[in-house]
Amino acid sequence: MSHHSTPFEIHLHGDIPLREDVGPHQLHEALRPLWQYAGATSFREGCASAYEEEPGMIFHAPEAILQVCWTVPGNDDFRQALSDACMNLNELCRTGAAFEVSFYDNEFDEEDAEPGQEAKDDFWMCFVGPTPADIMAVQRDMLIHDVTHMMQRHFEPEELGPVVEVIDQLFQKRMQDLALSMQWGMPPRNGGSSGHGGSGRKPRHLH
């Protein structure tokens, strides 16, 4: 498939720590939504990036690490394939992890663009982890790094303790709210009617 026959060129980049008992077959199945999206019939075929200089999706068994530096041409529907893959990876992760997702607009030509017209590029971080707490820990660490790095242009590192405390409090509140929402969906311990109409389904992991 030509890169310019689709609206976007999509790149994933990051390292994901896996449980030590995870084998290649489990990982290949977890990543099925991605390599099938690329039009492949097997992981061996689909793990290769659209660019030869990129390693693609590689399982480093001794370290139990999934290395991802993989590009595929696609459309907005890739987001669903990525969501499905993340849900699968949640079950295999050793800790929380993050990887970058980049959408590059293939249809934008700077020379032919109208005044004020911009590319539809999109960039964000995608998070996976065995529990919501693991995912939030990664999000917290990244936020603290970004905020303190920016503020160190104006303040000394030792002055930023109160900022870190506020970020910690925000994430603690989010975890408390999540824990309450999970308990709300569980039946009472005595086995009787819950009385609140909860579905009993656990919240999906955050991405």
C-alpha atoms as a PDB file:
ATOM      1  CA  MET A   1       0.000   0.000   0.000  1.00  0.00           C
ATOM      2  CA  SER A   2       1.401   3.381  -0.938  1.00  0.00           C
ATOM      3  CA  HIS A   3       1.885   5.893   1.874  1.00  0.00           C
ATOM      4  CA  HIS A   4       0.033   8.490  -0.162  1.00  0.00           C
ATOM      5  CA  SER A   5      -3.030   6.329  -0.868  1.00  0.00           C
ATOM      6  CA  THR A   6      -4.175   6.828   2.742  1.00  0.00           C
ATOM      7  CA  PRO A   7      -4.788  10.062   4.679  1.00  0.00           C
ATOM      8  CA  PHE A   8      -2.213   9.361   7.389  1.00  0.00           C
ATOM      9  CA  GLU A   9       1.137   7.832   8.079  1.00  0.00           C
ATOM     10  CA  ILE A  10       0.924   6.474  11.637  1.00  0.00           C
ATOM     11  CA  HIS A  11       3.947   5.885  13.853  1.00  0.00           C
ATOM     12  CA  LEU A  12       4.125   4.108  17.232  1.00  0.00           C
ATOM     13  CA  HIS A  13       7.226   4.420  19.397  1.00  0.00           C
ATOM     14  CA  GLY A  14       8.077   3.100  22.870  1.00  0.00           C
ATOM     15  CA  ASP A  15       9.186   0.189  25.060  1.00  0.00           C
ATOM     16  CA  ILE A  16       6.681  -1.888  27.032  1.00  0.00           C
ATOM     17  CA  PRO A  17       7.820  -4.125  29.948  1.00  0.00           C
ATOM     18  CA  LEU A  18       6.035  -7.486  29.878  1.00  0.00           C
ATOM     19  CA  ARG A  19       5.545 -10.197  32.478  1.00  0.00           C
ATOM     20  CA  GLU A  20       8.364 -12.732  32.475  1.00  0.00           C
ATOM     21  CA  ASP A  21       5.945 -15.575  31.737  1.00  0.00           C
ATOM     22  CA  VAL A  22       4.677 -13.964  28.519  1.00  0.00           C
ATOM     23  CA  GLY A  23       5.623 -15.954  25.436  1.00  0.00           C
ATOM     24  CA  PRO A  24       5.845 -14.946  21.767  1.00  0.00           C
ATOM     25  CA  HIS A  25       2.484 -16.510  20.867  1.00  0.00           C
ATOM     26  CA  GLN A  26       0.641 -14.542  23.573  1.00  0.00           C
ATOM     27  CA  LEU A  27       2.254 -11.314  22.446  1.00  0.00           C
ATOM     28  CA  HIS A  28       1.591 -11.963  18.779  1.00  0.00           C
ATOM     29  CA  GLU A  29      -2.098 -12.536  19.543  1.00  0.00           C
ATOM     30  CA  ALA A  30      -2.266  -9.393  21.676  1.00  0.00           C
ATOM     31  CA  LEU A  31      -0.850  -7.363  18.793  1.00  0.00           C
ATOM     32  CA  ARG A  32      -3.136  -8.984  16.222  1.00  0.00           C
ATOM     33  CA  PRO A  33      -5.309  -5.826  15.804  1.00  0.00           C
ATOM     34  CA  LEU A  34      -2.201  -3.911  14.675  1.00  0.00           C
ATOM     35  CA  TRP A  35      -0.618  -6.359  12.271  1.00  0.00           C
ATOM     36  CA  GLN A  36      -3.979  -7.276  10.797  1.00  0.00           C
ATOM     37  CA  TYR A  37      -4.659  -3.575  10.253  1.00  0.00           C
ATOM     38  CA  ALA A  38      -1.441  -3.469   8.237  1.00  0.00           C
ATOM     39  CA  GLY A  39      -2.944  -6.111   5.956  1.00  0.00           C
ATOM     40  CA  ALA A  40      -0.684  -8.917   7.166  1.00  0.00           C
ATOM     41  CA  THR A  41      -1.714 -12.532   7.718  1.00  0.00           C
ATOM     42  CA  SER A  42       0.834 -13.181  10.484  1.00  0.00           C
ATOM     43  CA  PHE A  43       2.844 -11.320  13.083  1.00  0.00           C
ATOM     44  CA  ARG A  44       6.066 -12.171  11.264  1.00  0.00           C
ATOM     45  CA  GLU A  45       4.761 -10.319   8.219  1.00  0.00           C
ATOM     46  CA  GLY A  46       2.998  -7.481  10.038  1.00  0.00           C
ATOM     47  CA  CYS A  47       5.647  -6.617  12.635  1.00  0.00           C
ATOM     48  CA  ALA A  48       7.831  -4.963   9.981  1.00  0.00           C
ATOM     49  CA  SER A  49       7.563  -1.199   9.699  1.00  0.00           C
ATOM     50  CA  ALA A  50       6.694   0.582   6.469  1.00  0.00           C
ATOM     51  CA  TYR A  51      10.253   1.959   6.659  1.00  0.00           C
ATOM     52  CA  GLU A  52      13.163  -0.472   6.474  1.00  0.00           C
ATOM     53  CA  GLU A  53      15.322   1.637   8.795  1.00  0.00           C
ATOM     54  CA  GLU A  54      12.800   1.213  11.645  1.00  0.00           C
ATOM     55  CA  PRO A  55      12.965  -2.007  13.713  1.00  0.00           C
ATOM     56  CA  GLY A  56       9.170  -2.463  13.766  1.00  0.00           C
ATOM     57  CA  MET A  57       7.654  -4.480  16.646  1.00  0.00           C
ATOM     58  CA  ILE A  58      10.284  -6.656  18.361  1.00  0.00           C
ATOM     59  CA  PHE A  59       9.956  -8.967  21.368  1.00  0.00           C
ATOM     60  CA  HIS A  60      13.172  -9.067  23.396  1.00  0.00           C
ATOM     61  CA  ALA A  61      12.538 -12.276  25.334  1.00  0.00           C
ATOM     62  CA  PRO A  62      15.526 -12.169  27.747  1.00  0.00           C
ATOM     63  CA  GLU A  63      14.493  -8.726  29.035  1.00  0.00           C
ATOM     64  CA  ALA A  64      10.742  -9.337  28.529  1.00  0.00           C
ATOM     65  CA  ILE A  65      10.448  -6.052  26.617  1.00  0.00           C
ATOM     66  CA  LEU A  66       8.306  -5.195  23.612  1.00  0.00           C
ATOM     67  CA  GLN A  67      10.141  -2.603  21.534  1.00  0.00           C
ATOM     68  CA  VAL A  68       7.944  -0.634  19.153  1.00  0.00           C
ATOM     69  CA  CYS A  69       9.210   1.657  16.402  1.00  0.00           C
ATOM     70  CA  TRP A  70       6.627   0.914  13.725  1.00  0.00           C
ATOM     71  CA  THR A  71       4.959   2.893  10.941  1.00  0.00           C
ATOM     72  CA  VAL A  72       1.826   1.962   9.013  1.00  0.00           C
ATOM     73  CA  PRO A  73      -0.300   3.896   6.492  1.00  0.00           C
ATOM     74  CA  GLY A  74      -3.885   4.265   7.655  1.00  0.00           C
ATOM     75  CA  ASN A  75      -6.976   6.262   8.483  1.00  0.00           C
ATOM     76  CA  ASP A  76      -8.822   7.371  11.615  1.00  0.00           C
ATOM     77  CA  ASP A  77     -10.129   3.824  12.027  1.00  0.00           C
ATOM     78  CA  PHE A  78      -6.631   2.874  13.230  1.00  0.00           C
ATOM     79  CA  ARG A  79      -7.597   4.321  16.592  1.00  0.00           C
ATOM     80  CA  GLN A  80      -9.942   1.382  17.218  1.00  0.00           C
ATOM     81  CA  ALA A  81      -7.260  -1.153  16.295  1.00  0.00           C
ATOM     82  CA  LEU A  82      -4.860   0.611  18.666  1.00  0.00           C
ATOM     83  CA  SER A  83      -7.456   0.627  21.446  1.00  0.00           C
ATOM     84  CA  ASP A  84      -8.032  -3.127  21.028  1.00  0.00           C
ATOM     85  CA  ALA A  85      -4.281  -3.821  21.083  1.00  0.00           C
ATOM     86  CA  CYS A  86      -3.850  -1.731  24.236  1.00  0.00           C
ATOM     87  CA  MET A  87      -6.600  -3.651  25.990  1.00  0.00           C
ATOM     88  CA  ASN A  88      -4.813  -6.881  25.099  1.00  0.00           C
ATOM     89  CA  LEU A  89      -1.425  -5.548  26.232  1.00  0.00           C
ATOM     90  CA  ASN A  90      -2.853  -4.516  29.605  1.00  0.00           C
ATOM     91  CA  GLU A  91      -3.123  -8.213  30.444  1.00  0.00           C
ATOM     92  CA  LEU A  92       0.539  -8.868  29.569  1.00  0.00           C
ATOM     93  CA  CYS A  93       2.257  -5.817  31.068  1.00  0.00           C
ATOM     94  CA  ARG A  94       4.625  -6.070  34.014  1.00  0.00           C
ATOM     95  CA  THR A  95       4.295  -2.381  34.926  1.00  0.00           C
ATOM     96  CA  GLY A  96       2.679   0.707  33.495  1.00  0.00           C
ATOM     97  CA  ALA A  97       4.206   2.039  30.292  1.00  0.00           C
ATOM     98  CA  ALA A  98       3.684   4.742  27.693  1.00  0.00           C
ATOM     99  CA  PHE A  99       4.371   5.018  23.983  1.00  0.00           C
ATOM    100  CA  GLU A 100       4.034   7.812  21.482  1.00  0.00           C
ATOM    101  CA  VAL A 101       1.402   7.819  18.749  1.00  0.00           C
ATOM    102  CA  SER A 102       1.917  10.137  15.771  1.00  0.00           C
ATOM    103  CA  PHE A 103      -0.487  10.761  12.881  1.00  0.00           C
ATOM    104  CA  TYR A 104       1.167  12.528   9.938  1.00  0.00           C
ATOM    105  CA  ASP A 105      -1.100  14.066   7.303  1.00  0.00           C
ATOM    106  CA  ASN A 106      -0.178  12.547   3.924  1.00  0.00           C
ATOM    107  CA  GLU A 107      -2.586  14.790   2.032  1.00  0.00           C
ATOM    108  CA  PHE A 108      -1.121  18.093   3.208  1.00  0.00           C
ATOM    109  CA  ASP A 109       1.194  19.842   0.791  1.00  0.00           C
ATOM    110  CA  GLU A 110       2.755  22.976   2.227  1.00  0.00           C
ATOM    111  CA  GLU A 111       3.399  24.459  -1.209  1.00  0.00           C
ATOM    112  CA  ASP A 112      -0.196  23.980  -2.382  1.00  0.00           C
ATOM    113  CA  ALA A 113      -1.888  24.803   0.930  1.00  0.00           C
ATOM    114  CA  GLU A 114      -4.317  27.702   1.211  1.00  0.00           C
ATOM    115  CA  PRO A 115      -3.355  30.596   3.513  1.00  0.00           C
ATOM    116  CA  GLY A 116      -3.979  29.525   7.104  1.00  0.00           C
ATOM    117  CA  GLN A 117      -4.438  25.872   6.166  1.00  0.00           C
ATOM    118  CA  GLU A 118      -2.569  23.465   8.422  1.00  0.00           C
ATOM    119  CA  ALA A 119      -1.741  19.774   8.355  1.00  0.00           C
ATOM    120  CA  LYS A 120      -4.040  17.440  10.287  1.00  0.00           C
ATOM    121  CA  ASP A 121      -1.129  15.971  12.213  1.00  0.00           C
ATOM    122  CA  ASP A 122      -1.970  14.548  15.637  1.00  0.00           C
ATOM    123  CA  PHE A 123       0.306  13.453  18.476  1.00  0.00           C
ATOM    124  CA  TRP A 124      -0.467  11.909  21.852  1.00  0.00           C
ATOM    125  CA  MET A 125       0.761   9.421  24.453  1.00  0.00           C
ATOM    126  CA  CYS A 126      -0.882   6.030  24.832  1.00  0.00           C
ATOM    127  CA  PHE A 127      -0.756   4.235  28.204  1.00  0.00           C
ATOM    128  CA  VAL A 128      -0.955   0.556  29.109  1.00  0.00           C
ATOM    129  CA  GLY A 129      -0.536  -1.335  32.364  1.00  0.00           C
ATOM    130  CA  PRO A 130      -1.740  -4.291  34.444  1.00  0.00           C
ATOM    131  CA  THR A 131      -3.951  -2.054  36.626  1.00  0.00           C
ATOM    132  CA  PRO A 132      -5.379   1.470  36.441  1.00  0.00           C
ATOM    133  CA  ALA A 133      -3.052   2.391  39.330  1.00  0.00           C
ATOM    134  CA  ASP A 134       0.000   1.357  37.278  1.00  0.00           C
ATOM    135  CA  ILE A 135      -1.196   3.456  34.356  1.00  0.00           C
ATOM    136  CA  MET A 136      -1.841   6.479  36.545  1.00  0.00           C
ATOM    137  CA  ALA A 137       1.635   6.132  38.087  1.00  0.00           C
ATOM    138  CA  VAL A 138       3.167   6.500  34.626  1.00  0.00           C
ATOM    139  CA  GLN A 139       0.915   9.445  33.819  1.00  0.00           C
ATOM    140  CA  ARG A 140       1.889  11.100  37.123  1.00  0.00           C
ATOM    141  CA  ASP A 141       5.607  10.644  36.532  1.00  0.00           C
ATOM    142  CA  MET A 142       5.382  12.034  33.009  1.00  0.00           C
ATOM    143  CA  LEU A 143       3.355  15.040  34.136  1.00  0.00           C
ATOM    144  CA  ILE A 144       5.775  15.835  36.968  1.00  0.00           C
ATOM    145  CA  HIS A 145       8.707  15.563  34.561  1.00  0.00           C
ATOM    146  CA  ASP A 146       7.081  17.856  31.988  1.00  0.00           C
ATOM    147  CA  VAL A 147       5.853  20.468  34.469  1.00  0.00           C
ATOM    148  CA  THR A 148       9.053  20.673  36.510  1.00  0.00           C
ATOM    149  CA  HIS A 149      11.190  20.735  33.373  1.00  0.00           C
ATOM    150  CA  MET A 150       9.225  23.720  32.083  1.00  0.00           C
ATOM    151  CA  MET A 151       9.211  25.536  35.427  1.00  0.00           C
ATOM    152  CA  GLN A 152      12.950  25.070  35.984  1.00  0.00           C
ATOM    153  CA  ARG A 153      13.441  27.851  33.443  1.00  0.00           C
ATOM    154  CA  HIS A 154      12.159  30.205  36.131  1.00  0.00           C
ATOM    155  CA  PHE A 155      12.587  28.394  39.470  1.00  0.00           C
ATOM    156  CA  GLU A 156      15.203  26.306  41.230  1.00  0.00           C
ATOM    157  CA  PRO A 157      14.396  22.573  41.500  1.00  0.00           C
ATOM    158  CA  GLU A 158      14.133  22.749  45.303  1.00  0.00           C
ATOM    159  CA  GLU A 159      11.391  25.385  44.961  1.00  0.00           C
ATOM    160  CA  LEU A 160       9.094  23.044  43.043  1.00  0.00           C
ATOM    161  CA  GLY A 161       8.187  20.706  45.925  1.00  0.00           C
ATOM    162  CA  PRO A 162       4.722  22.278  46.396  1.00  0.00           C
ATOM    163  CA  VAL A 163       3.995  21.796  42.681  1.00  0.00           C
ATOM    164  CA  VAL A 164       4.833  18.095  42.897  1.00  0.00           C
ATOM    165  CA  GLU A 165       2.645  17.786  46.001  1.00  0.00           C
ATOM    166  CA  VAL A 166      -0.343  19.282  44.177  1.00  0.00           C
ATOM    167  CA  ILE A 167       0.110  16.883  41.244  1.00  0.00           C
ATOM    168  CA  ASP A 168       0.314  13.976  43.708  1.00  0.00           C
ATOM    169  CA  GLN A 169      -2.894  15.102  45.375  1.00  0.00           C
ATOM    170  CA  LEU A 170      -4.706  15.306  42.028  1.00  0.00           C
ATOM    171  CA  PHE A 171      -3.737  11.762  41.112  1.00  0.00           C
ATOM    172  CA  GLN A 172      -4.566  10.457  44.580  1.00  0.00           C
ATOM    173  CA  LYS A 173      -8.034  11.977  44.201  1.00  0.00           C
ATOM    174  CA  ARG A 174      -8.403  10.370  40.784  1.00  0.00           C
ATOM    175  CA  MET A 175      -7.401   6.965  42.181  1.00  0.00           C
ATOM    176  CA  GLN A 176      -9.864   7.326  45.058  1.00  0.00           C
ATOM    177  CA  ASP A 177     -12.647   8.194  42.620  1.00  0.00           C
ATOM    178  CA  LEU A 178     -11.746   5.206  40.454  1.00  0.00           C
ATOM    179  CA  ALA A 179     -11.688   2.853  43.450  1.00  0.00           C
ATOM    180  CA  LEU A 180     -15.126   4.081  44.496  1.00  0.00           C
ATOM    181  CA  SER A 181     -16.496   3.609  40.983  1.00  0.00           C
ATOM    182  CA  MET A 182     -15.233   0.008  40.917  1.00  0.00           C
ATOM    183  CA  GLN A 183     -16.791  -0.717  44.313  1.00  0.00           C
ATOM    184  CA  TRP A 184     -20.056   0.847  43.129  1.00  0.00           C
ATOM    185  CA  GLY A 185     -20.301  -1.779  40.420  1.00  0.00           C
ATOM    186  CA  MET A 186     -19.745  -4.723  42.789  1.00  0.00           C
ATOM    187  CA  PRO A 187     -22.568  -6.637  44.519  1.00  0.00           C
ATOM    188  CA  PRO A 188     -22.866  -6.366  48.322  1.00  0.00           C
ATOM    189  CA  ARG A 189     -20.795  -8.845  50.328  1.00  0.00           C
ATOM    190  CA  ASN A 190     -23.937 -10.388  51.832  1.00  0.00           C
ATOM    191  CA  GLY A 191     -25.033 -11.432  48.350  1.00  0.00           C
ATOM    192  CA  GLY A 192     -28.231  -9.380  48.486  1.00  0.00           C
ATOM    193  CA  SER A 193     -29.506  -6.839  46.004  1.00  0.00           C
ATOM    194  CA  SER A 194     -27.193  -3.901  45.536  1.00  0.00           C
ATOM    195  CA  GLY A 195     -30.112  -1.502  45.206  1.00  0.00           C
ATOM    196  CA  HIS A 196     -28.261   0.931  42.955  1.00  0.00           C
ATOM    197  CA  GLY A 197     -28.727  -0.646  39.556  1.00  0.00           C
ATOM    198  CA  GLY A 198     -24.989  -1.058  38.917  1.00  0.00           C
ATOM    199  CA  SER A 199     -24.027  -3.264  35.980  1.00  0.00           C
ATOM    200  CA  GLY A 200     -21.236  -5.028  37.857  1.00  0.00           C
ATOM    201  CA  ARG A 201     -18.841  -4.487  34.966  1.00  0.00           C
ATOM    202  CA  LYS A 202     -15.368  -3.234  35.829  1.00  0.00           C
ATOM    203  CA  PRO A 203     -14.205  -0.034  34.145  1.00  0.00           C
ATOM    204  CA  ARG A 204     -11.969  -0.530  31.160  1.00  0.00           C
ATOM    205  CA  HIS A 205      -8.320   0.334  31.655  1.00  0.00           C
ATOM    206  CA  LEU A 206      -7.259   3.834  30.714  1.00  0.00           C
ATOM    207  CA  HIS A 207      -5.252   4.368  27.563  1.00  0.00           C
END
